[in-house]
N, C-alpha and C. Protein backbone atom coordinates (compact mmCIF):
# COMPACT_ATOMS: atom_id res chain seq x y z
N MET A 1 4.46 -17.94 11.27
CA MET A 1 4.69 -16.87 12.23
C MET A 1 3.34 -16.46 12.82
N ASN A 2 3.18 -16.63 14.11
CA ASN A 2 1.93 -16.31 14.78
C ASN A 2 2.03 -14.91 15.41
N ASP A 3 1.88 -13.90 14.57
CA ASP A 3 2.00 -12.52 15.04
C ASP A 3 0.68 -11.77 14.96
N GLY A 4 -0.42 -12.50 14.76
CA GLY A 4 -1.73 -11.87 14.67
C GLY A 4 -2.00 -11.20 13.34
N LEU A 5 -1.09 -11.37 12.38
CA LEU A 5 -1.26 -10.76 11.06
C LEU A 5 -1.87 -11.76 10.09
N THR A 6 -2.69 -11.24 9.21
CA THR A 6 -3.19 -12.03 8.09
C THR A 6 -2.79 -11.31 6.81
N PHE A 7 -2.51 -12.09 5.80
CA PHE A 7 -2.15 -11.57 4.49
C PHE A 7 -3.15 -12.13 3.50
N ARG A 8 -3.75 -11.24 2.70
CA ARG A 8 -4.74 -11.70 1.72
C ARG A 8 -4.80 -10.75 0.55
N GLN A 9 -5.27 -11.29 -0.57
CA GLN A 9 -5.50 -10.43 -1.73
C GLN A 9 -6.72 -9.57 -1.43
N LEU A 10 -6.61 -8.29 -1.74
CA LEU A 10 -7.67 -7.35 -1.41
C LEU A 10 -8.71 -7.27 -2.51
N ALA A 11 -9.93 -6.94 -2.11
CA ALA A 11 -11.06 -6.79 -3.01
C ALA A 11 -11.37 -5.30 -3.19
N LEU A 12 -12.25 -5.02 -4.12
CA LEU A 12 -12.64 -3.64 -4.38
C LEU A 12 -13.14 -2.95 -3.11
N ALA A 13 -13.84 -3.69 -2.27
CA ALA A 13 -14.37 -3.13 -1.02
C ALA A 13 -13.26 -2.70 -0.06
N ASP A 14 -12.04 -3.18 -0.26
CA ASP A 14 -10.91 -2.84 0.60
C ASP A 14 -10.14 -1.60 0.14
N MET A 15 -10.50 -1.05 -1.01
CA MET A 15 -9.67 0.00 -1.60
C MET A 15 -9.66 1.29 -0.79
N GLU A 16 -10.72 1.61 -0.07
CA GLU A 16 -10.69 2.80 0.77
C GLU A 16 -9.66 2.62 1.89
N ALA A 17 -9.67 1.45 2.53
CA ALA A 17 -8.70 1.18 3.59
C ALA A 17 -7.27 1.17 3.02
N ALA A 18 -7.10 0.60 1.83
CA ALA A 18 -5.78 0.57 1.20
C ALA A 18 -5.29 1.99 0.91
N SER A 19 -6.18 2.82 0.39
CA SER A 19 -5.77 4.20 0.08
C SER A 19 -5.46 4.97 1.36
N ASN A 20 -6.12 4.63 2.47
CA ASN A 20 -5.82 5.29 3.74
C ASN A 20 -4.42 4.91 4.25
N VAL A 21 -4.07 3.61 4.14
CA VAL A 21 -2.72 3.17 4.53
C VAL A 21 -1.69 3.92 3.69
N PHE A 22 -1.93 3.95 2.38
CA PHE A 22 -1.04 4.67 1.47
C PHE A 22 -0.84 6.11 1.92
N ARG A 23 -1.93 6.84 2.13
CA ARG A 23 -1.83 8.26 2.44
C ARG A 23 -1.11 8.51 3.76
N ILE A 24 -1.43 7.73 4.79
CA ILE A 24 -0.80 7.92 6.10
C ILE A 24 0.70 7.66 6.00
N ALA A 25 1.09 6.55 5.36
CA ALA A 25 2.51 6.21 5.24
C ALA A 25 3.25 7.19 4.34
N PHE A 26 2.64 7.57 3.22
CA PHE A 26 3.26 8.51 2.29
C PHE A 26 3.53 9.85 2.98
N ASP A 27 2.52 10.38 3.66
CA ASP A 27 2.66 11.68 4.31
C ASP A 27 3.69 11.64 5.44
N ALA A 28 3.80 10.50 6.13
CA ALA A 28 4.78 10.38 7.22
C ALA A 28 6.21 10.35 6.68
N ARG A 29 6.42 9.65 5.57
CA ARG A 29 7.76 9.53 4.99
C ARG A 29 8.17 10.75 4.16
N LEU A 30 7.20 11.36 3.52
CA LEU A 30 7.47 12.46 2.59
C LEU A 30 6.57 13.66 2.92
N PRO A 31 6.74 14.24 4.11
CA PRO A 31 5.82 15.29 4.56
C PRO A 31 5.80 16.52 3.65
N TRP A 32 6.88 16.79 2.95
CA TRP A 32 6.91 17.96 2.05
C TRP A 32 6.02 17.75 0.83
N LEU A 33 5.56 16.51 0.61
CA LEU A 33 4.65 16.23 -0.50
C LEU A 33 3.21 15.97 -0.02
N ALA A 34 2.98 16.08 1.28
CA ALA A 34 1.65 15.83 1.83
C ALA A 34 0.64 16.79 1.20
N GLY A 35 -0.56 16.30 1.01
CA GLY A 35 -1.62 17.14 0.49
C GLY A 35 -1.63 17.30 -1.02
N LEU A 36 -0.78 16.58 -1.71
CA LEU A 36 -0.75 16.68 -3.16
C LEU A 36 -2.08 16.24 -3.77
N HIS A 37 -2.70 15.25 -3.14
CA HIS A 37 -4.01 14.77 -3.61
C HIS A 37 -5.00 14.75 -2.46
N LYS A 38 -6.26 14.91 -2.79
CA LYS A 38 -7.34 14.82 -1.81
C LYS A 38 -7.64 13.34 -1.56
N PRO A 39 -8.21 13.02 -0.39
CA PRO A 39 -8.53 11.62 -0.09
C PRO A 39 -9.41 10.95 -1.15
N GLU A 40 -10.35 11.70 -1.71
CA GLU A 40 -11.22 11.09 -2.74
C GLU A 40 -10.43 10.78 -4.01
N GLU A 41 -9.39 11.55 -4.30
CA GLU A 41 -8.52 11.26 -5.45
C GLU A 41 -7.70 9.99 -5.19
N ASP A 42 -7.20 9.85 -3.95
CA ASP A 42 -6.48 8.62 -3.59
C ASP A 42 -7.39 7.40 -3.74
N ARG A 43 -8.60 7.49 -3.21
CA ARG A 43 -9.54 6.36 -3.30
C ARG A 43 -9.85 6.02 -4.75
N ALA A 44 -10.05 7.01 -5.58
CA ALA A 44 -10.34 6.77 -7.00
C ALA A 44 -9.16 6.09 -7.69
N PHE A 45 -7.93 6.49 -7.36
CA PHE A 45 -6.75 5.88 -7.95
C PHE A 45 -6.63 4.41 -7.54
N TRP A 46 -6.84 4.12 -6.26
CA TRP A 46 -6.75 2.73 -5.79
C TRP A 46 -7.89 1.88 -6.34
N ALA A 47 -9.11 2.40 -6.33
CA ALA A 47 -10.27 1.62 -6.80
C ALA A 47 -10.31 1.54 -8.32
N GLY A 48 -9.76 2.51 -8.99
CA GLY A 48 -9.78 2.53 -10.45
C GLY A 48 -8.54 1.91 -11.04
N TYR A 49 -7.50 2.71 -11.20
CA TYR A 49 -6.30 2.24 -11.89
C TYR A 49 -5.64 1.04 -11.22
N LEU A 50 -5.32 1.15 -9.93
CA LEU A 50 -4.58 0.06 -9.29
C LEU A 50 -5.39 -1.22 -9.23
N PHE A 51 -6.65 -1.15 -8.82
CA PHE A 51 -7.46 -2.36 -8.71
C PHE A 51 -7.65 -3.04 -10.08
N SER A 52 -7.72 -2.24 -11.13
CA SER A 52 -7.91 -2.78 -12.47
C SER A 52 -6.63 -3.36 -13.07
N ASN A 53 -5.48 -2.90 -12.63
CA ASN A 53 -4.22 -3.25 -13.29
C ASN A 53 -3.24 -4.05 -12.45
N CYS A 54 -3.49 -4.17 -11.17
CA CYS A 54 -2.52 -4.79 -10.26
C CYS A 54 -3.15 -5.86 -9.39
N ALA A 55 -2.30 -6.75 -8.91
CA ALA A 55 -2.68 -7.62 -7.79
C ALA A 55 -2.41 -6.77 -6.55
N ILE A 56 -3.38 -6.67 -5.67
CA ILE A 56 -3.22 -5.86 -4.47
C ILE A 56 -3.42 -6.78 -3.26
N TRP A 57 -2.40 -6.82 -2.43
CA TRP A 57 -2.43 -7.64 -1.22
C TRP A 57 -2.31 -6.73 -0.02
N GLY A 58 -2.85 -7.20 1.09
CA GLY A 58 -2.78 -6.43 2.32
C GLY A 58 -2.36 -7.28 3.49
N ALA A 59 -1.81 -6.60 4.48
CA ALA A 59 -1.50 -7.19 5.77
C ALA A 59 -2.45 -6.53 6.76
N ALA A 60 -3.09 -7.34 7.60
CA ALA A 60 -4.08 -6.80 8.52
C ALA A 60 -3.95 -7.45 9.89
N ARG A 61 -4.40 -6.69 10.86
CA ARG A 61 -4.61 -7.20 12.22
C ARG A 61 -6.11 -7.12 12.46
N GLN A 62 -6.53 -7.53 13.64
CA GLN A 62 -7.96 -7.45 13.95
C GLN A 62 -8.49 -6.04 13.81
N ASP A 63 -7.67 -5.04 14.11
CA ASP A 63 -8.15 -3.66 14.07
C ASP A 63 -8.03 -3.01 12.70
N GLY A 64 -7.62 -3.78 11.68
CA GLY A 64 -7.65 -3.24 10.33
C GLY A 64 -6.37 -3.43 9.54
N LEU A 65 -6.40 -2.87 8.35
CA LEU A 65 -5.31 -2.97 7.40
C LEU A 65 -4.12 -2.15 7.87
N ILE A 66 -2.91 -2.73 7.78
CA ILE A 66 -1.71 -2.02 8.22
C ILE A 66 -0.63 -1.92 7.14
N GLY A 67 -0.81 -2.65 6.05
CA GLY A 67 0.17 -2.61 4.97
C GLY A 67 -0.46 -3.06 3.67
N VAL A 68 0.06 -2.52 2.55
CA VAL A 68 -0.47 -2.86 1.22
C VAL A 68 0.67 -2.92 0.20
N ILE A 69 0.47 -3.79 -0.78
CA ILE A 69 1.35 -3.82 -1.94
C ILE A 69 0.48 -3.98 -3.18
N ALA A 70 0.82 -3.25 -4.23
CA ALA A 70 0.15 -3.38 -5.52
C ALA A 70 1.25 -3.67 -6.55
N PHE A 71 1.11 -4.80 -7.25
CA PHE A 71 2.12 -5.16 -8.24
C PHE A 71 1.46 -5.76 -9.47
N ARG A 72 2.18 -5.68 -10.58
CA ARG A 72 1.73 -6.22 -11.86
C ARG A 72 2.95 -6.78 -12.57
N GLN A 73 2.76 -7.31 -13.75
CA GLN A 73 3.86 -7.92 -14.48
C GLN A 73 5.04 -6.96 -14.59
N GLY A 74 6.14 -7.30 -13.94
CA GLY A 74 7.37 -6.53 -14.03
C GLY A 74 7.48 -5.31 -13.14
N TRP A 75 6.44 -4.98 -12.38
CA TRP A 75 6.45 -3.73 -11.60
C TRP A 75 5.83 -3.89 -10.21
N VAL A 76 6.43 -3.22 -9.24
CA VAL A 76 5.79 -2.95 -7.96
C VAL A 76 5.35 -1.50 -8.04
N ASP A 77 4.05 -1.29 -8.02
CA ASP A 77 3.51 0.07 -8.15
C ASP A 77 3.42 0.79 -6.82
N GLN A 78 3.10 0.05 -5.76
CA GLN A 78 2.92 0.66 -4.44
C GLN A 78 3.34 -0.35 -3.38
N LEU A 79 3.96 0.12 -2.32
CA LEU A 79 4.24 -0.69 -1.12
C LEU A 79 4.30 0.27 0.05
N TYR A 80 3.33 0.17 0.95
CA TYR A 80 3.25 1.09 2.09
C TYR A 80 2.83 0.33 3.34
N ILE A 81 3.49 0.67 4.44
CA ILE A 81 3.19 0.11 5.75
C ILE A 81 2.93 1.28 6.69
N LEU A 82 1.91 1.18 7.53
CA LEU A 82 1.66 2.26 8.49
C LEU A 82 2.93 2.52 9.30
N PRO A 83 3.24 3.78 9.55
CA PRO A 83 4.51 4.13 10.20
C PRO A 83 4.78 3.39 11.52
N HIS A 84 3.77 3.24 12.36
CA HIS A 84 3.99 2.59 13.66
C HIS A 84 4.19 1.08 13.54
N MET A 85 3.99 0.52 12.34
CA MET A 85 4.18 -0.92 12.12
C MET A 85 5.42 -1.22 11.27
N GLN A 86 6.14 -0.20 10.86
CA GLN A 86 7.33 -0.42 10.04
C GLN A 86 8.44 -1.05 10.88
N GLY A 87 9.32 -1.78 10.21
CA GLY A 87 10.45 -2.41 10.89
C GLY A 87 10.11 -3.74 11.54
N ARG A 88 8.96 -4.31 11.20
CA ARG A 88 8.53 -5.58 11.80
C ARG A 88 8.46 -6.72 10.78
N GLY A 89 8.99 -6.49 9.59
CA GLY A 89 9.00 -7.54 8.57
C GLY A 89 7.76 -7.60 7.70
N ILE A 90 6.82 -6.70 7.90
CA ILE A 90 5.57 -6.72 7.13
C ILE A 90 5.83 -6.38 5.67
N GLY A 91 6.63 -5.34 5.43
CA GLY A 91 6.98 -4.98 4.06
C GLY A 91 7.73 -6.10 3.36
N SER A 92 8.61 -6.77 4.08
CA SER A 92 9.35 -7.90 3.51
C SER A 92 8.40 -9.02 3.10
N ARG A 93 7.44 -9.30 3.93
CA ARG A 93 6.48 -10.37 3.62
C ARG A 93 5.60 -9.98 2.43
N LEU A 94 5.17 -8.73 2.38
CA LEU A 94 4.37 -8.29 1.23
C LEU A 94 5.20 -8.30 -0.05
N LEU A 95 6.42 -7.78 0.02
CA LEU A 95 7.28 -7.79 -1.16
C LEU A 95 7.57 -9.22 -1.61
N GLY A 96 7.67 -10.13 -0.67
CA GLY A 96 7.88 -11.54 -1.00
C GLY A 96 6.77 -12.12 -1.86
N LEU A 97 5.55 -11.62 -1.71
CA LEU A 97 4.45 -12.08 -2.56
C LEU A 97 4.71 -11.72 -4.02
N ALA A 98 5.26 -10.53 -4.24
CA ALA A 98 5.55 -10.08 -5.60
C ALA A 98 6.76 -10.81 -6.17
N THR A 99 7.82 -10.93 -5.38
CA THR A 99 9.04 -11.57 -5.90
C THR A 99 8.83 -13.07 -6.12
N ALA A 100 7.93 -13.68 -5.37
CA ALA A 100 7.68 -15.11 -5.55
C ALA A 100 6.99 -15.41 -6.88
N SER A 101 6.29 -14.44 -7.43
CA SER A 101 5.52 -14.70 -8.65
C SER A 101 6.10 -14.00 -9.88
N HIS A 102 7.28 -13.42 -9.75
CA HIS A 102 7.91 -12.73 -10.88
C HIS A 102 9.40 -13.04 -10.92
N VAL A 103 9.95 -13.03 -12.10
CA VAL A 103 11.39 -13.25 -12.29
C VAL A 103 12.13 -11.92 -12.22
N ARG A 104 11.46 -10.87 -12.63
CA ARG A 104 12.07 -9.54 -12.65
C ARG A 104 11.02 -8.51 -12.23
N LEU A 105 11.44 -7.53 -11.43
CA LEU A 105 10.56 -6.46 -10.99
C LEU A 105 11.31 -5.13 -11.02
N ASN A 106 10.58 -4.10 -11.32
CA ASN A 106 11.09 -2.73 -11.28
C ASN A 106 10.18 -1.92 -10.37
N LEU A 107 10.72 -0.82 -9.85
CA LEU A 107 9.91 0.10 -9.06
C LEU A 107 10.61 1.44 -9.01
N TRP A 108 9.82 2.46 -8.74
CA TRP A 108 10.35 3.82 -8.55
C TRP A 108 10.21 4.18 -7.09
N THR A 109 11.17 4.92 -6.58
CA THR A 109 11.04 5.55 -5.27
C THR A 109 11.75 6.90 -5.34
N PHE A 110 11.43 7.78 -4.42
CA PHE A 110 12.04 9.10 -4.42
C PHE A 110 13.45 9.04 -3.85
N GLN A 111 14.34 9.84 -4.39
CA GLN A 111 15.72 9.86 -3.93
C GLN A 111 15.80 10.21 -2.44
N LYS A 112 14.93 11.10 -1.98
CA LYS A 112 14.97 11.54 -0.57
C LYS A 112 14.41 10.49 0.40
N ASN A 113 13.77 9.44 -0.11
CA ASN A 113 13.17 8.44 0.76
C ASN A 113 14.23 7.39 1.14
N ALA A 114 15.11 7.80 2.04
CA ALA A 114 16.24 6.95 2.43
C ALA A 114 15.80 5.62 3.01
N GLY A 115 14.73 5.61 3.78
CA GLY A 115 14.23 4.36 4.37
C GLY A 115 13.81 3.36 3.31
N ALA A 116 13.09 3.83 2.31
CA ALA A 116 12.66 2.94 1.22
C ALA A 116 13.87 2.45 0.43
N ARG A 117 14.79 3.34 0.19
CA ARG A 117 15.99 2.95 -0.57
C ARG A 117 16.76 1.85 0.16
N ARG A 118 16.97 2.02 1.46
CA ARG A 118 17.67 0.99 2.24
C ARG A 118 16.91 -0.33 2.20
N PHE A 119 15.60 -0.24 2.35
CA PHE A 119 14.77 -1.45 2.34
C PHE A 119 14.91 -2.19 1.01
N TYR A 120 14.69 -1.51 -0.10
CA TYR A 120 14.76 -2.17 -1.40
C TYR A 120 16.15 -2.70 -1.70
N GLU A 121 17.17 -1.95 -1.35
CA GLU A 121 18.53 -2.42 -1.58
C GLU A 121 18.84 -3.66 -0.75
N SER A 122 18.29 -3.73 0.46
CA SER A 122 18.49 -4.92 1.30
C SER A 122 17.78 -6.14 0.73
N LYS A 123 16.83 -5.93 -0.15
CA LYS A 123 16.08 -7.02 -0.78
C LYS A 123 16.63 -7.37 -2.16
N GLY A 124 17.77 -6.79 -2.51
CA GLY A 124 18.42 -7.13 -3.77
C GLY A 124 18.06 -6.25 -4.95
N PHE A 125 17.32 -5.19 -4.72
CA PHE A 125 17.02 -4.25 -5.80
C PHE A 125 18.24 -3.37 -6.03
N GLU A 126 18.51 -3.07 -7.29
CA GLU A 126 19.65 -2.23 -7.64
C GLU A 126 19.16 -0.98 -8.35
N ALA A 127 19.74 0.16 -7.98
CA ALA A 127 19.41 1.42 -8.65
C ALA A 127 19.96 1.37 -10.06
N VAL A 128 19.09 1.65 -11.04
CA VAL A 128 19.53 1.59 -12.44
C VAL A 128 19.39 2.94 -13.15
N ARG A 129 18.66 3.87 -12.55
CA ARG A 129 18.48 5.17 -13.19
C ARG A 129 17.99 6.19 -12.18
N GLU A 130 18.53 7.39 -12.24
CA GLU A 130 18.06 8.50 -11.41
C GLU A 130 17.52 9.58 -12.33
N THR A 131 16.47 10.27 -11.88
CA THR A 131 15.92 11.38 -12.66
C THR A 131 15.87 12.63 -11.82
N ASP A 132 15.63 13.74 -12.47
CA ASP A 132 15.50 15.02 -11.77
C ASP A 132 14.05 15.28 -11.34
N GLY A 133 13.15 14.35 -11.63
CA GLY A 133 11.75 14.49 -11.23
C GLY A 133 10.88 15.24 -12.22
N ALA A 134 11.45 15.69 -13.32
CA ALA A 134 10.67 16.48 -14.28
C ALA A 134 9.50 15.70 -14.86
N ASP A 135 9.60 14.37 -14.89
CA ASP A 135 8.55 13.56 -15.52
C ASP A 135 7.57 12.93 -14.54
N ASN A 136 7.68 13.22 -13.24
CA ASN A 136 6.66 12.69 -12.32
C ASN A 136 5.81 13.84 -11.79
N GLU A 137 4.61 13.52 -11.34
CA GLU A 137 3.68 14.59 -10.96
C GLU A 137 4.12 15.36 -9.73
N GLU A 138 4.97 14.76 -8.92
CA GLU A 138 5.45 15.46 -7.73
C GLU A 138 6.64 16.37 -8.04
N HIS A 139 7.24 16.19 -9.22
CA HIS A 139 8.46 16.92 -9.61
C HIS A 139 9.56 16.73 -8.57
N GLU A 140 9.65 15.49 -8.11
CA GLU A 140 10.60 15.11 -7.07
C GLU A 140 11.60 14.12 -7.67
N PRO A 141 12.91 14.39 -7.53
CA PRO A 141 13.91 13.45 -8.07
C PRO A 141 13.66 12.03 -7.58
N ASP A 142 13.72 11.07 -8.50
CA ASP A 142 13.43 9.70 -8.13
C ASP A 142 14.49 8.74 -8.67
N ILE A 143 14.31 7.47 -8.31
CA ILE A 143 15.25 6.41 -8.69
C ILE A 143 14.46 5.21 -9.17
N LEU A 144 14.89 4.66 -10.29
CA LEU A 144 14.34 3.40 -10.79
C LEU A 144 15.20 2.27 -10.24
N TYR A 145 14.55 1.33 -9.57
CA TYR A 145 15.21 0.14 -9.05
C TYR A 145 14.77 -1.08 -9.85
N SER A 146 15.68 -2.04 -9.97
CA SER A 146 15.39 -3.28 -10.67
C SER A 146 15.85 -4.46 -9.84
N TRP A 147 15.09 -5.53 -9.90
CA TRP A 147 15.39 -6.77 -9.18
C TRP A 147 15.21 -7.93 -10.15
N ARG A 148 16.08 -8.90 -10.05
CA ARG A 148 15.96 -10.12 -10.84
C ARG A 148 16.23 -11.31 -9.94
N ARG A 149 15.37 -12.31 -10.04
CA ARG A 149 15.56 -13.53 -9.26
C ARG A 149 16.86 -14.20 -9.67
N CYS A 150 17.62 -14.61 -8.70
CA CYS A 150 18.87 -15.33 -9.00
C CYS A 150 18.54 -16.71 -9.53
N ALA A 151 19.35 -17.17 -10.46
CA ALA A 151 19.09 -18.49 -11.09
C ALA A 151 19.35 -19.63 -10.15
């Protein structure tokens, strides 16, 4: 597909850009949770925990990073696409990197994030558990999704 996009595994030097994509997309989808963390806290989380524990891939155009996915054995930890680039198959292509290298994946998303729920369900993820949010830092009701590669 010649759409001007490149997909590559990200390096530590890319974590500021990755955290920026995350924050912009998160705040656009979940504005009532905006401002929960400062930008330097986001950067520390991406450069510290995520970079140390996950494979992190990005989708970019000439003008910069537009989408990111962070995944590890059995889990998709993060998947965010800049709002103006959503609906163009970028999330599908990034998620495909994770599903191609795993037999089973789980992920959490918020119950109110209808767009994410539709997206994951269209990719074969099934809701397996709902919570009241008491155990996440946002205190926002969420859903555990699970996916398994068909035999």
